[in-house]
PDB file of N, CA and C in Angstrom:
ATOM      1  N   MET A   1       2.330  -6.094 -22.867  1.00  0.00           N
ATOM      2  CA  MET A   1       2.453  -4.705 -22.188  1.00  0.00           C
ATOM      3  C   MET A   1       3.140  -3.440 -22.844  1.00  0.00           C
ATOM      4  N   ASN A   2       3.008  -2.337 -22.897  1.00  0.00           N
ATOM      5  CA  ASN A   2       3.985  -1.600 -23.043  1.00  0.00           C
ATOM      6  C   ASN A   2       5.077  -0.321 -22.634  1.00  0.00           C
ATOM      7  N   TYR A   3       6.130  -0.552 -22.703  1.00  0.00           N
ATOM      8  CA  TYR A   3       6.817  -0.208 -21.758  1.00  0.00           C
ATOM      9  C   TYR A   3       8.099   1.017 -22.409  1.00  0.00           C
ATOM     10  N   ASN A   4       8.033   1.928 -22.471  1.00  0.00           N
ATOM     11  CA  ASN A   4       9.441   2.808 -22.572  1.00  0.00           C
ATOM     12  C   ASN A   4      10.704   2.634 -23.455  1.00  0.00           C
ATOM     13  N   ASN A   5      11.228   2.053 -21.801  1.00  0.00           N
ATOM     14  CA  ASN A   5      12.536   0.475 -22.498  1.00  0.00           C
ATOM     15  C   ASN A   5      11.977  -0.126 -23.012  1.00  0.00           C
ATOM     16  N   VAL A   6      12.416  -0.131 -23.785  1.00  0.00           N
ATOM     17  CA  VAL A   6      12.722  -2.125 -24.853  1.00  0.00           C
ATOM     18  C   VAL A   6      13.282  -2.613 -23.985  1.00  0.00           C
ATOM     19  N   ARG A   7      14.194  -2.856 -23.249  1.00  0.00           N
ATOM     20  CA  ARG A   7      14.540  -3.843 -22.615  1.00  0.00           C
ATOM     21  C   ARG A   7      13.293  -4.386 -21.229  1.00  0.00           C
ATOM     22  N   GLY A   8      12.193  -3.885 -21.043  1.00  0.00           N
ATOM     23  CA  GLY A   8      11.363  -4.449 -20.503  1.00  0.00           C
ATOM     24  C   GLY A   8      11.033  -3.454 -19.053  1.00  0.00           C
ATOM     25  N   PRO A   9      10.063  -3.713 -18.165  1.00  0.00           N
ATOM     26  CA  PRO A   9       9.777  -3.041 -16.503  1.00  0.00           C
ATOM     27  C   PRO A   9      10.821  -2.214 -16.381  1.00  0.00           C
ATOM     28  N   ARG A  10      11.298  -1.608 -15.486  1.00  0.00           N
ATOM     29  CA  ARG A  10      12.636  -1.342 -14.414  1.00  0.00           C
ATOM     30  C   ARG A  10      12.366  -1.141 -13.710  1.00  0.00           C
ATOM     31  N   VAL A  11      13.398  -1.236 -12.257  1.00  0.00           N
ATOM     32  CA  VAL A  11      13.410  -1.289 -10.959  1.00  0.00           C
ATOM     33  C   VAL A  11      13.817   0.281 -11.521  1.00  0.00           C
ATOM     34  N   VAL A  12      13.407   1.286 -10.130  1.00  0.00           N
ATOM     35  CA  VAL A  12      13.380   2.681  -9.763  1.00  0.00           C
ATOM     36  C   VAL A  12      13.459   2.607  -7.604  1.00  0.00           C
ATOM     37  N   GLY A  13      14.578   3.453  -7.666  1.00  0.00           N
ATOM     38  CA  GLY A  13      14.558   3.530  -6.447  1.00  0.00           C
ATOM     39  C   GLY A  13      13.247   4.833  -5.851  1.00  0.00           C
ATOM     40  N   LEU A  14      12.728   4.526  -4.788  1.00  0.00           N
ATOM     41  CA  LEU A  14      11.800   5.359  -3.735  1.00  0.00           C
ATOM     42  C   LEU A  14      12.242   5.259  -2.470  1.00  0.00           C
ATOM     43  N   ASN A  15      12.279   6.580  -2.640  1.00  0.00           N
ATOM     44  CA  ASN A  15      12.282   7.050  -0.777  1.00  0.00           C
ATOM     45  C   ASN A  15      10.734   6.948   0.003  1.00  0.00           C
ATOM     46  N   VAL A  16      10.311   5.817   1.300  1.00  0.00           N
ATOM     47  CA  VAL A  16       9.760   5.827   2.116  1.00  0.00           C
ATOM     48  C   VAL A  16      10.258   5.346   3.374  1.00  0.00           C
ATOM     49  N   ALA A  17       9.369   6.101   4.227  1.00  0.00           N
ATOM     50  CA  ALA A  17       9.857   6.106   5.909  1.00  0.00           C
ATOM     51  C   ALA A  17      10.025   4.581   5.795  1.00  0.00           C
ATOM     52  N   SER A  18      11.237   4.388   7.144  1.00  0.00           N
ATOM     53  CA  SER A  18      10.790   2.729   7.117  1.00  0.00           C
ATOM     54  C   SER A  18       9.799   1.582   8.063  1.00  0.00           C
ATOM     55  N   SER A  19       8.698   2.636   8.200  1.00  0.00           N
ATOM     56  CA  SER A  19       7.358   2.247   9.019  1.00  0.00           C
ATOM     57  C   SER A  19       6.835   2.152   7.714  1.00  0.00           C
ATOM     58  N   LEU A  20       6.786   2.359   6.441  1.00  0.00           N
ATOM     59  CA  LEU A  20       5.582   2.475   5.393  1.00  0.00           C
ATOM     60  C   LEU A  20       6.633   1.025   4.818  1.00  0.00           C
ATOM     61  N   SER A  21       8.223   0.208   4.372  1.00  0.00           N
ATOM     62  CA  SER A  21       8.074  -0.511   3.908  1.00  0.00           C
ATOM     63  C   SER A  21       8.189  -1.310   4.804  1.00  0.00           C
ATOM     64  N   GLU A  22       7.707  -1.145   6.032  1.00  0.00           N
ATOM     65  CA  GLU A  22       7.840  -2.603   6.844  1.00  0.00           C
ATOM     66  C   GLU A  22       6.335  -2.547   7.364  1.00  0.00           C
ATOM     67  N   TYR A  23       5.218  -1.532   6.771  1.00  0.00           N
ATOM     68  CA  TYR A  23       3.504  -1.928   6.100  1.00  0.00           C
ATOM     69  C   TYR A  23       3.394  -2.852   5.416  1.00  0.00           C
ATOM     70  N   ILE A  24       4.442  -2.206   4.047  1.00  0.00           N
ATOM     71  CA  ILE A  24       4.027  -3.089   2.663  1.00  0.00           C
ATOM     72  C   ILE A  24       3.957  -4.776   3.194  1.00  0.00           C
ATOM     73  N   MET A  25       5.395  -4.825   3.516  1.00  0.00           N
ATOM     74  CA  MET A  25       6.021  -6.535   4.083  1.00  0.00           C
ATOM     75  C   MET A  25       4.470  -6.926   5.205  1.00  0.00           C
ATOM     76  N   ARG A  26       4.261  -6.556   5.813  1.00  0.00           N
ATOM     77  CA  ARG A  26       3.332  -6.824   6.803  1.00  0.00           C
ATOM     78  C   ARG A  26       1.741  -7.810   5.469  1.00  0.00           C
ATOM     79  N   ILE A  27       1.432  -6.480   4.917  1.00  0.00           N
ATOM     80  CA  ILE A  27      -0.015  -6.240   4.600  1.00  0.00           C
ATOM     81  C   ILE A  27       0.840  -7.721   3.103  1.00  0.00           C
ATOM     82  N   GLN A  28       1.500  -7.921   2.715  1.00  0.00           N
ATOM     83  CA  GLN A  28       1.967  -9.452   1.897  1.00  0.00           C
ATOM     84  C   GLN A  28       1.869 -10.383   2.716  1.00  0.00           C
ATOM     85  N   GLU A  29       2.644 -10.522   3.908  1.00  0.00           N
ATOM     86  CA  GLU A  29       2.594 -11.571   4.958  1.00  0.00           C
ATOM     87  C   GLU A  29       1.498 -12.191   5.206  1.00  0.00           C
ATOM     88  N   LEU A  30      -0.129 -11.161   4.841  1.00  0.00           N
ATOM     89  CA  LEU A  30      -0.907 -10.940   5.549  1.00  0.00           C
ATOM     90  C   LEU A  30      -1.744 -11.668   3.807  1.00  0.00           C
ATOM     91  N   GLY A  31      -1.260 -11.531   2.759  1.00  0.00           N
ATOM     92  CA  GLY A  31      -2.021 -12.019   1.758  1.00  0.00           C
ATOM     93  C   GLY A  31      -2.187 -10.774   0.777  1.00  0.00           C
ATOM     94  N   ALA A  32      -2.260 -10.037   1.112  1.00  0.00           N
ATOM     95  CA  ALA A  32      -2.143  -9.016  -0.245  1.00  0.00           C
ATOM     96  C   ALA A  32      -2.263 -10.032  -1.268  1.00  0.00           C
ATOM     97  N   VAL A  33      -1.137 -10.152  -1.466  1.00  0.00           N
ATOM     98  CA  VAL A  33      -0.440 -10.832  -2.567  1.00  0.00           C
ATOM     99  C   VAL A  33      -0.529 -12.084  -2.760  1.00  0.00           C
ATOM    100  N   GLU A  34      -0.757 -12.975  -3.779  1.00  0.00           N
ATOM    101  CA  GLU A  34      -0.746 -13.839  -4.194  1.00  0.00           C
ATOM    102  C   GLU A  34       0.229 -15.528  -4.745  1.00  0.00           C
ATOM    103  N   GLY A  35       0.606 -15.940  -5.268  1.00  0.00           N
ATOM    104  CA  GLY A  35       1.789 -16.695  -5.884  1.00  0.00           C
ATOM    105  C   GLY A  35       2.685 -17.049  -5.701  1.00  0.00           C
ATOM    106  N   ALA A  36       3.659 -17.103  -7.121  1.00  0.00           N
ATOM    107  CA  ALA A  36       4.960 -17.283  -6.771  1.00  0.00           C
ATOM    108  C   ALA A  36       5.673 -16.074  -7.217  1.00  0.00           C
ATOM    109  N   ASP A  37       7.007 -16.133  -6.794  1.00  0.00           N
ATOM    110  CA  ASP A  37       8.018 -14.938  -7.326  1.00  0.00           C
ATOM    111  C   ASP A  37       7.869 -14.812  -8.910  1.00  0.00           C
ATOM    112  N   GLY A  38       7.310 -14.211  -9.734  1.00  0.00           N
ATOM    113  CA  GLY A  38       7.489 -13.639 -10.996  1.00  0.00           C
ATOM    114  C   GLY A  38       5.739 -13.757 -11.414  1.00  0.00           C
ATOM    115  N   ALA A  39       5.199 -14.413 -10.449  1.00  0.00           N
ATOM    116  CA  ALA A  39       4.110 -14.258 -10.862  1.00  0.00           C
ATOM    117  C   ALA A  39       2.524 -14.323  -9.573  1.00  0.00           C
ATOM    118  N   LEU A  40       2.645 -12.790  -9.369  1.00  0.00           N
ATOM    119  CA  LEU A  40       2.001 -12.576  -7.567  1.00  0.00           C
ATOM    120  C   LEU A  40       1.173 -11.894  -8.587  1.00  0.00           C
ATOM    121  N   LEU A  41      -0.084 -12.141  -7.700  1.00  0.00           N
ATOM    122  CA  LEU A  41      -0.772 -11.110  -8.329  1.00  0.00           C
ATOM    123  C   LEU A  41      -1.893 -10.702  -6.865  1.00  0.00           C
ATOM    124  N   ILE A  42      -2.397  -9.380  -6.700  1.00  0.00           N
ATOM    125  CA  ILE A  42      -3.182  -9.080  -5.662  1.00  0.00           C
ATOM    126  C   ILE A  42      -4.204  -9.733  -5.433  1.00  0.00           C
ATOM    127  N   SER A  43      -4.223 -10.021  -4.278  1.00  0.00           N
ATOM    128  CA  SER A  43      -5.352 -11.421  -3.302  1.00  0.00           C
ATOM    129  C   SER A  43      -7.168 -10.459  -4.436  1.00  0.00           C
ATOM    130  N   PRO A  44      -7.714 -12.144  -4.712  1.00  0.00           N
ATOM    131  CA  PRO A  44      -9.290 -11.961  -5.302  1.00  0.00           C
ATOM    132  C   PRO A  44      -9.639 -11.143  -4.457  1.00  0.00           C
ATOM    133  N   GLU A  45      -9.695 -11.402  -3.023  1.00  0.00           N
ATOM    134  CA  GLU A  45     -10.809 -10.877  -1.651  1.00  0.00           C
ATOM    135  C   GLU A  45      -9.835  -9.351  -1.316  1.00  0.00           C
ATOM    136  N   VAL A  46      -8.855  -8.929  -2.103  1.00  0.00           N
ATOM    137  CA  VAL A  46      -8.465  -7.667  -1.640  1.00  0.00           C
ATOM    138  C   VAL A  46      -9.031  -6.122  -3.015  1.00  0.00           C
ATOM    139  N   MET A  47      -8.626  -6.879  -4.370  1.00  0.00           N
ATOM    140  CA  MET A  47      -9.250  -6.594  -5.193  1.00  0.00           C
ATOM    141  C   MET A  47     -10.386  -5.965  -5.427  1.00  0.00           C
ATOM    142  N   PRO A  48     -11.170  -5.810  -4.749  1.00  0.00           N
ATOM    143  CA  PRO A  48     -11.976  -5.463  -4.879  1.00  0.00           C
ATOM    144  C   PRO A  48     -12.221  -4.135  -4.319  1.00  0.00           C
ATOM    145  N   VAL A  49     -11.219  -3.878  -3.072  1.00  0.00           N
ATOM    146  CA  VAL A  49     -10.995  -2.923  -2.381  1.00  0.00           C
ATOM    147  C   VAL A  49     -10.052  -1.954  -3.417  1.00  0.00           C
ATOM    148  N   ILE A  50      -8.984  -2.712  -3.947  1.00  0.00           N
ATOM    149  CA  ILE A  50      -8.197  -1.525  -4.640  1.00  0.00           C
ATOM    150  C   ILE A  50      -8.956  -0.665  -5.843  1.00  0.00           C
ATOM    151  N   HIS A  51      -9.947  -1.782  -6.580  1.00  0.00           N
ATOM    152  CA  HIS A  51     -11.449  -1.068  -7.974  1.00  0.00           C
ATOM    153  C   HIS A  51     -11.985  -0.170  -6.547  1.00  0.00           C
ATOM    154  N   ALA A  52     -12.752   0.149  -5.321  1.00  0.00           N
ATOM    155  CA  ALA A  52     -13.217   1.041  -4.609  1.00  0.00           C
ATOM    156  C   ALA A  52     -12.281   2.252  -4.595  1.00  0.00           C
ATOM    157  N   LEU A  53     -10.602   1.967  -4.534  1.00  0.00           N
ATOM    158  CA  LEU A  53     -10.176   3.104  -4.328  1.00  0.00           C
ATOM    159  C   LEU A  53      -9.774   4.049  -5.151  1.00  0.00           C
ATOM    160  N   HIS A  54      -9.848   3.385  -6.356  1.00  0.00           N
ATOM    161  CA  HIS A  54      -9.419   3.574  -7.930  1.00  0.00           C
ATOM    162  C   HIS A  54     -11.012   4.637  -8.335  1.00  0.00           C
ATOM    163  N   GLN A  55     -12.046   4.217  -7.570  1.00  0.00           N
ATOM    164  CA  GLN A  55     -13.231   4.866  -8.248  1.00  0.00           C
ATOM    165  C   GLN A  55     -12.864   6.405  -6.989  1.00  0.00           C
ATOM    166  N   VAL A  56     -12.941   6.036  -5.766  1.00  0.00           N
ATOM    167  CA  VAL A  56     -12.642   7.102  -5.292  1.00  0.00           C
ATOM    168  C   VAL A  56     -11.760   8.286  -5.986  1.00  0.00           C
ATOM    169  N   LEU A  57     -10.649   7.677  -5.389  1.00  0.00           N
ATOM    170  CA  LEU A  57      -9.923   9.016  -6.588  1.00  0.00           C
ATOM    171  C   LEU A  57      -9.917   9.373  -7.807  1.00  0.00           C
ATOM    172  N   SER A  58     -11.087   9.018  -8.652  1.00  0.00           N
ATOM    173  CA  SER A  58     -10.935   8.838 -10.465  1.00  0.00           C
ATOM    174  C   SER A  58     -12.557   9.751  -9.815  1.00  0.00           C
ATOM    175  N   GLY A  59     -12.833  10.667  -8.568  1.00  0.00           N
ATOM    176  CA  GLY A  59     -13.849  10.970  -8.269  1.00  0.00           C
ATOM    177  C   GLY A  59     -15.307  10.578  -8.267  1.00  0.00           C
ATOM    178  N   GLY A  60     -14.858   9.061  -7.684  1.00  0.00           N
ATOM    179  CA  GLY A  60     -16.433   8.336  -7.875  1.00  0.00           C
ATOM    180  C   GLY A  60     -16.398   8.216  -6.059  1.00  0.00           C
ATOM    181  N   THR A  61     -17.578   8.129  -5.750  1.00  0.00           N
ATOM    182  CA  THR A  61     -18.096   7.583  -4.922  1.00  0.00           C
ATOM    183  C   THR A  61     -18.674   6.537  -4.608  1.00  0.00           C
ATOM    184  N   VAL A  62     -17.996   5.534  -3.138  1.00  0.00           N
ATOM    185  CA  VAL A  62     -18.372   3.865  -2.932  1.00  0.00           C
ATOM    186  C   VAL A  62     -19.025   3.575  -1.732  1.00  0.00           C
ATOM    187  N   GLU A  63     -19.363   2.607  -1.431  1.00  0.00           N
ATOM    188  CA  GLU A  63     -19.685   2.634  -0.450  1.00  0.00           C
ATOM    189  C   GLU A  63     -19.518   1.308  -0.075  1.00  0.00           C
ATOM    190  N   LEU A  64     -18.674   0.807   1.232  1.00  0.00           N
ATOM    191  CA  LEU A  64     -17.846  -0.041   1.819  1.00  0.00           C
ATOM    192  C   LEU A  64     -18.984  -0.875   2.984  1.00  0.00           C
ATOM    193  N   ASN A  65     -19.267  -2.203   2.963  1.00  0.00           N
ATOM    194  CA  ASN A  65     -19.793  -3.143   3.841  1.00  0.00           C
ATOM    195  C   ASN A  65     -19.033  -3.860   4.407  1.00  0.00           C
ATOM    196  N   VAL A  66     -18.728  -3.896   5.527  1.00  0.00           N
ATOM    197  CA  VAL A  66     -17.542  -5.525   6.187  1.00  0.00           C
ATOM    198  C   VAL A  66     -18.943  -6.377   6.559  1.00  0.00           C
ATOM    199  N   THR A  67     -18.824  -7.456   6.109  1.00  0.00           N
ATOM    200  CA  THR A  67     -19.921  -8.374   6.020  1.00  0.00           C
ATOM    201  C   THR A  67     -19.310  -9.206   7.120  1.00  0.00           C
ATOM    202  N   HIS A  68     -17.522  -9.460   7.464  1.00  0.00           N
ATOM    203  CA  HIS A  68     -17.499 -10.467   8.804  1.00  0.00           C
ATOM    204  C   HIS A  68     -16.563  -9.476   9.345  1.00  0.00           C
ATOM    205  N   ARG A  69     -16.366  -9.362  10.306  1.00  0.00           N
ATOM    206  CA  ARG A  69     -14.962  -8.775  10.751  1.00  0.00           C
ATOM    207  C   ARG A  69     -13.834  -9.926  11.368  1.00  0.00           C
ATOM    208  N   GLY A  70     -12.799  -8.936  10.819  1.00  0.00           N
ATOM    209  CA  GLY A  70     -11.737  -9.725  10.858  1.00  0.00           C
ATOM    210  C   GLY A  70     -11.281 -10.058  11.729  1.00  0.00           C
ATOM    211  N   ASN A  71      -9.695 -10.716  12.748  1.00  0.00           N
ATOM    212  CA  ASN A  71      -9.209 -10.183  13.625  1.00  0.00           C
ATOM    213  C   ASN A  71      -8.893  -9.268  14.353  1.00  0.00           C
ATOM    214  N   PRO A  72      -8.998  -8.985  15.548  1.00  0.00           N
ATOM    215  CA  PRO A  72      -9.293  -7.578  15.908  1.00  0.00           C
ATOM    216  C   PRO A  72      -7.608  -6.696  16.638  1.00  0.00           C
ATOM    217  N   ASP A  73      -7.516  -7.967  16.848  1.00  0.00           N
ATOM    218  CA  ASP A  73      -5.399  -7.750  17.081  1.00  0.00           C
ATOM    219  C   ASP A  73      -5.045  -6.823  15.491  1.00  0.00           C
ATOM    220  N   ILE A  74      -5.207  -7.842  14.826  1.00  0.00           N
ATOM    221  CA  ILE A  74      -4.711  -7.834  13.114  1.00  0.00           C
ATOM    222  C   ILE A  74      -5.047  -6.475  12.822  1.00  0.00           C
ATOM    223  N   TYR A  75      -6.046  -6.239  12.984  1.00  0.00           N
ATOM    224  CA  TYR A  75      -7.148  -4.568  12.549  1.00  0.00           C
ATOM    225  C   TYR A  75      -6.144  -3.790  13.273  1.00  0.00           C
ATOM    226  N   ASN A  76      -6.120  -3.764  14.480  1.00  0.00           N
ATOM    227  CA  ASN A  76      -5.691  -2.584  15.213  1.00  0.00           C
ATOM    228  C   ASN A  76      -4.413  -2.339  15.135  1.00  0.00           C
ATOM    229  N   GLU A  77      -3.279  -3.520  14.453  1.00  0.00           N
ATOM    230  CA  GLU A  77      -2.051  -3.286  14.401  1.00  0.00           C
ATOM    231  C   GLU A  77      -1.878  -2.819  12.547  1.00  0.00           C
ATOM    232  N   LEU A  78      -2.882  -2.485  11.923  1.00  0.00           N
ATOM    233  CA  LEU A  78      -2.565  -2.235  10.380  1.00  0.00           C
ATOM    234  C   LEU A  78      -3.334  -0.713  10.930  1.00  0.00           C
ATOM    235  N   ASN A  79      -3.890  -0.445  11.686  1.00  0.00           N
ATOM    236  CA  ASN A  79      -4.115   0.256  11.542  1.00  0.00           C
ATOM    237  C   ASN A  79      -3.324   1.675  12.471  1.00  0.00           C
ATOM    238  N   ARG A  80      -2.484   1.168  13.192  1.00  0.00           N
ATOM    239  CA  ARG A  80      -1.535   1.522  14.117  1.00  0.00           C
ATOM    240  C   ARG A  80      -0.451   1.983  12.964  1.00  0.00           C
ATOM    241  N   ARG A  81      -0.376   1.059  12.190  1.00  0.00           N
ATOM    242  CA  ARG A  81       1.280   1.134  11.385  1.00  0.00           C
ATOM    243  C   ARG A  81       0.691   2.423   9.760  1.00  0.00           C
ATOM    244  N   VAL A  82      -0.845   2.324  10.137  1.00  0.00           N
ATOM    245  CA  VAL A  82      -0.913   3.481   9.205  1.00  0.00           C
ATOM    246  C   VAL A  82      -0.691   4.601   9.664  1.00  0.00           C
ATOM    247  N   GLU A  83      -1.271   5.001  11.095  1.00  0.00           N
ATOM    248  CA  GLU A  83      -0.729   5.855  11.746  1.00  0.00           C
ATOM    249  C   GLU A  83       0.879   6.145  12.022  1.00  0.00           C
ATOM    250  N   GLN A  84       1.216   5.403  12.526  1.00  0.00           N
ATOM    251  CA  GLN A  84       2.614   5.724  12.431  1.00  0.00           C
ATOM    252  C   GLN A  84       3.713   5.560  10.937  1.00  0.00           C
ATOM    253  N   VAL A  85       2.882   5.524  10.152  1.00  0.00           N
ATOM    254  CA  VAL A  85       3.715   5.738   8.896  1.00  0.00           C
ATOM    255  C   VAL A  85       3.322   7.086   8.107  1.00  0.00           C
ATOM    256  N   GLY A  86       2.213   8.114   8.709  1.00  0.00           N
ATOM    257  CA  GLY A  86       2.180   9.238   8.170  1.00  0.00           C
ATOM    258  C   GLY A  86       3.015  10.105   9.591  1.00  0.00           C
ATOM    259  N   GLN A  87       3.049   9.271  10.331  1.00  0.00           N
ATOM    260  CA  GLN A  87       4.343  10.933  11.644  1.00  0.00           C
ATOM    261  C   GLN A  87       5.459  10.343  10.878  1.00  0.00           C
ATOM    262  N   GLU A  88       6.215   9.003  11.259  1.00  0.00           N
ATOM    263  CA  GLU A  88       7.252   9.299   9.887  1.00  0.00           C
ATOM    264  C   GLU A  88       7.594   9.791   8.625  1.00  0.00           C
ATOM    265  N   ALA A  89       6.758   9.632   8.022  1.00  0.00           N
ATOM    266  CA  ALA A  89       7.003  10.428   6.854  1.00  0.00           C
ATOM    267  C   ALA A  89       6.937  11.945   7.057  1.00  0.00           C
ATOM    268  N   ASN A  90       6.243  12.673   7.984  1.00  0.00           N
ATOM    269  CA  ASN A  90       5.900  14.215   7.766  1.00  0.00           C
ATOM    270  C   ASN A  90       6.953  14.237   8.438  1.00  0.00           C
ATOM    271  N   ALA A  91       7.228  13.744  10.063  1.00  0.00           N
ATOM    272  CA  ALA A  91       8.589  14.022  10.768  1.00  0.00           C
ATOM    273  C   ALA A  91       9.549  14.444   9.470  1.00  0.00           C
ATOM    274  N   ILE A  92      10.061  12.861   9.158  1.00  0.00           N
ATOM    275  CA  ILE A  92      10.969  13.040   8.099  1.00  0.00           C
ATOM    276  C   ILE A  92      10.828  14.616   7.232  1.00  0.00           C
ATOM    277  N   ASN A  93       9.270  14.283   6.575  1.00  0.00           N
ATOM    278  CA  ASN A  93       9.632  15.689   5.295  1.00  0.00           C
ATOM    279  C   ASN A  93      10.248  16.697   5.741  1.00  0.00           C
ATOM    280  N   LYS A  94       9.718  17.030   7.296  1.00  0.00           N
ATOM    281  CA  LYS A  94       9.494  18.447   7.842  1.00  0.00           C
ATOM    282  C   LYS A  94      10.903  18.915   8.480  1.00  0.00           C
ATOM    283  N   ALA A  95      11.962  17.112   8.382  1.00  0.00           N
ATOM    284  CA  ALA A  95      13.000  17.456   9.007  1.00  0.00           C
ATOM    285  C   ALA A  95      14.215  18.262   7.385  1.00  0.00           C
ATOM    286  N   ALA A  96      13.653  17.211   6.663  1.00  0.00           N
ATOM    287  CA  ALA A  96      14.148  17.608   5.559  1.00  0.00           C
ATOM    288  C   ALA A  96      14.154  18.860   4.426  1.00  0.00           C
ATOM    289  N   GLY A  97      13.018  19.651   5.246  1.00  0.00           N
ATOM    290  CA  GLY A  97      12.739  20.617   4.850  1.00  0.00           C
ATOM    291  C   GLY A  97      11.926  20.339   3.268  1.00  0.00           C
ATOM    292  N   PHE A  98      11.489  19.213   2.723  1.00  0.00           N
ATOM    293  CA  PHE A  98      10.981  19.428   1.198  1.00  0.00           C
ATOM    294  C   PHE A  98      10.595  17.850   1.476  1.00  0.00           C
ATOM    295  N   TYR A  99       9.595  17.874   0.525  1.00  0.00           N
ATOM    296  CA  TYR A  99       8.828  16.036   0.206  1.00  0.00           C
ATOM    297  C   TYR A  99       9.607  15.395   0.041  1.00  0.00           C
ATOM    298  N   LEU A 100      10.516  14.334   0.871  1.00  0.00           N
ATOM    299  CA  LEU A 100      11.757  14.098   0.462  1.00  0.00           C
ATOM    300  C   LEU A 100      10.875  11.831   0.505  1.00  0.00           C
ATOM    301  N   THR A 101      10.397  11.710   1.469  1.00  0.00           N
ATOM    302  CA  THR A 101       9.193  10.067   1.608  1.00  0.00           C
ATOM    303  C   THR A 101       7.707  10.014   1.069  1.00  0.00           C
ATOM    304  N   ALA A 102       7.993   8.735   0.727  1.00  0.00           N
ATOM    305  CA  ALA A 102       6.349   8.810   0.078  1.00  0.00           C
ATOM    306  C   ALA A 102       5.776   8.116   1.318  1.00  0.00           C
ATOM    307  N   THR A 103       4.667   8.466   0.736  1.00  0.00           N
ATOM    308  CA  THR A 103       3.755   7.888   2.380  1.00  0.00           C
ATOM    309  C   THR A 103       2.440   6.786   1.771  1.00  0.00           C
ATOM    310  N   ILE A 104       1.628   7.100   2.268  1.00  0.00           N
ATOM    311  CA  ILE A 104       0.155   5.903   1.634  1.00  0.00           C
ATOM    312  C   ILE A 104      -0.904   7.479   2.039  1.00  0.00           C
TER     313      ILE A 104
END
């Protein structure tokens, strides 16, 4: 890997709404990443979704097809969490008067 810092990768601080931190921890708990500390990888089941997202963000179009529905309670929980992240981040940014927190 090529890093600007000759000592290797760095940790940086990023302001996020608490709900985003909680969402990230939850999707990790549900298996979005796998492996031991220091050797984590994005789950093979999640990677195609990431690739599709990258296509959309780079100007492409994708077609998604759910072939087997997951647990509806978890599905609804994750959707609620994403909605909460947006609401919380927007409220924080509005109160601050500038873009203070990252959001999804």
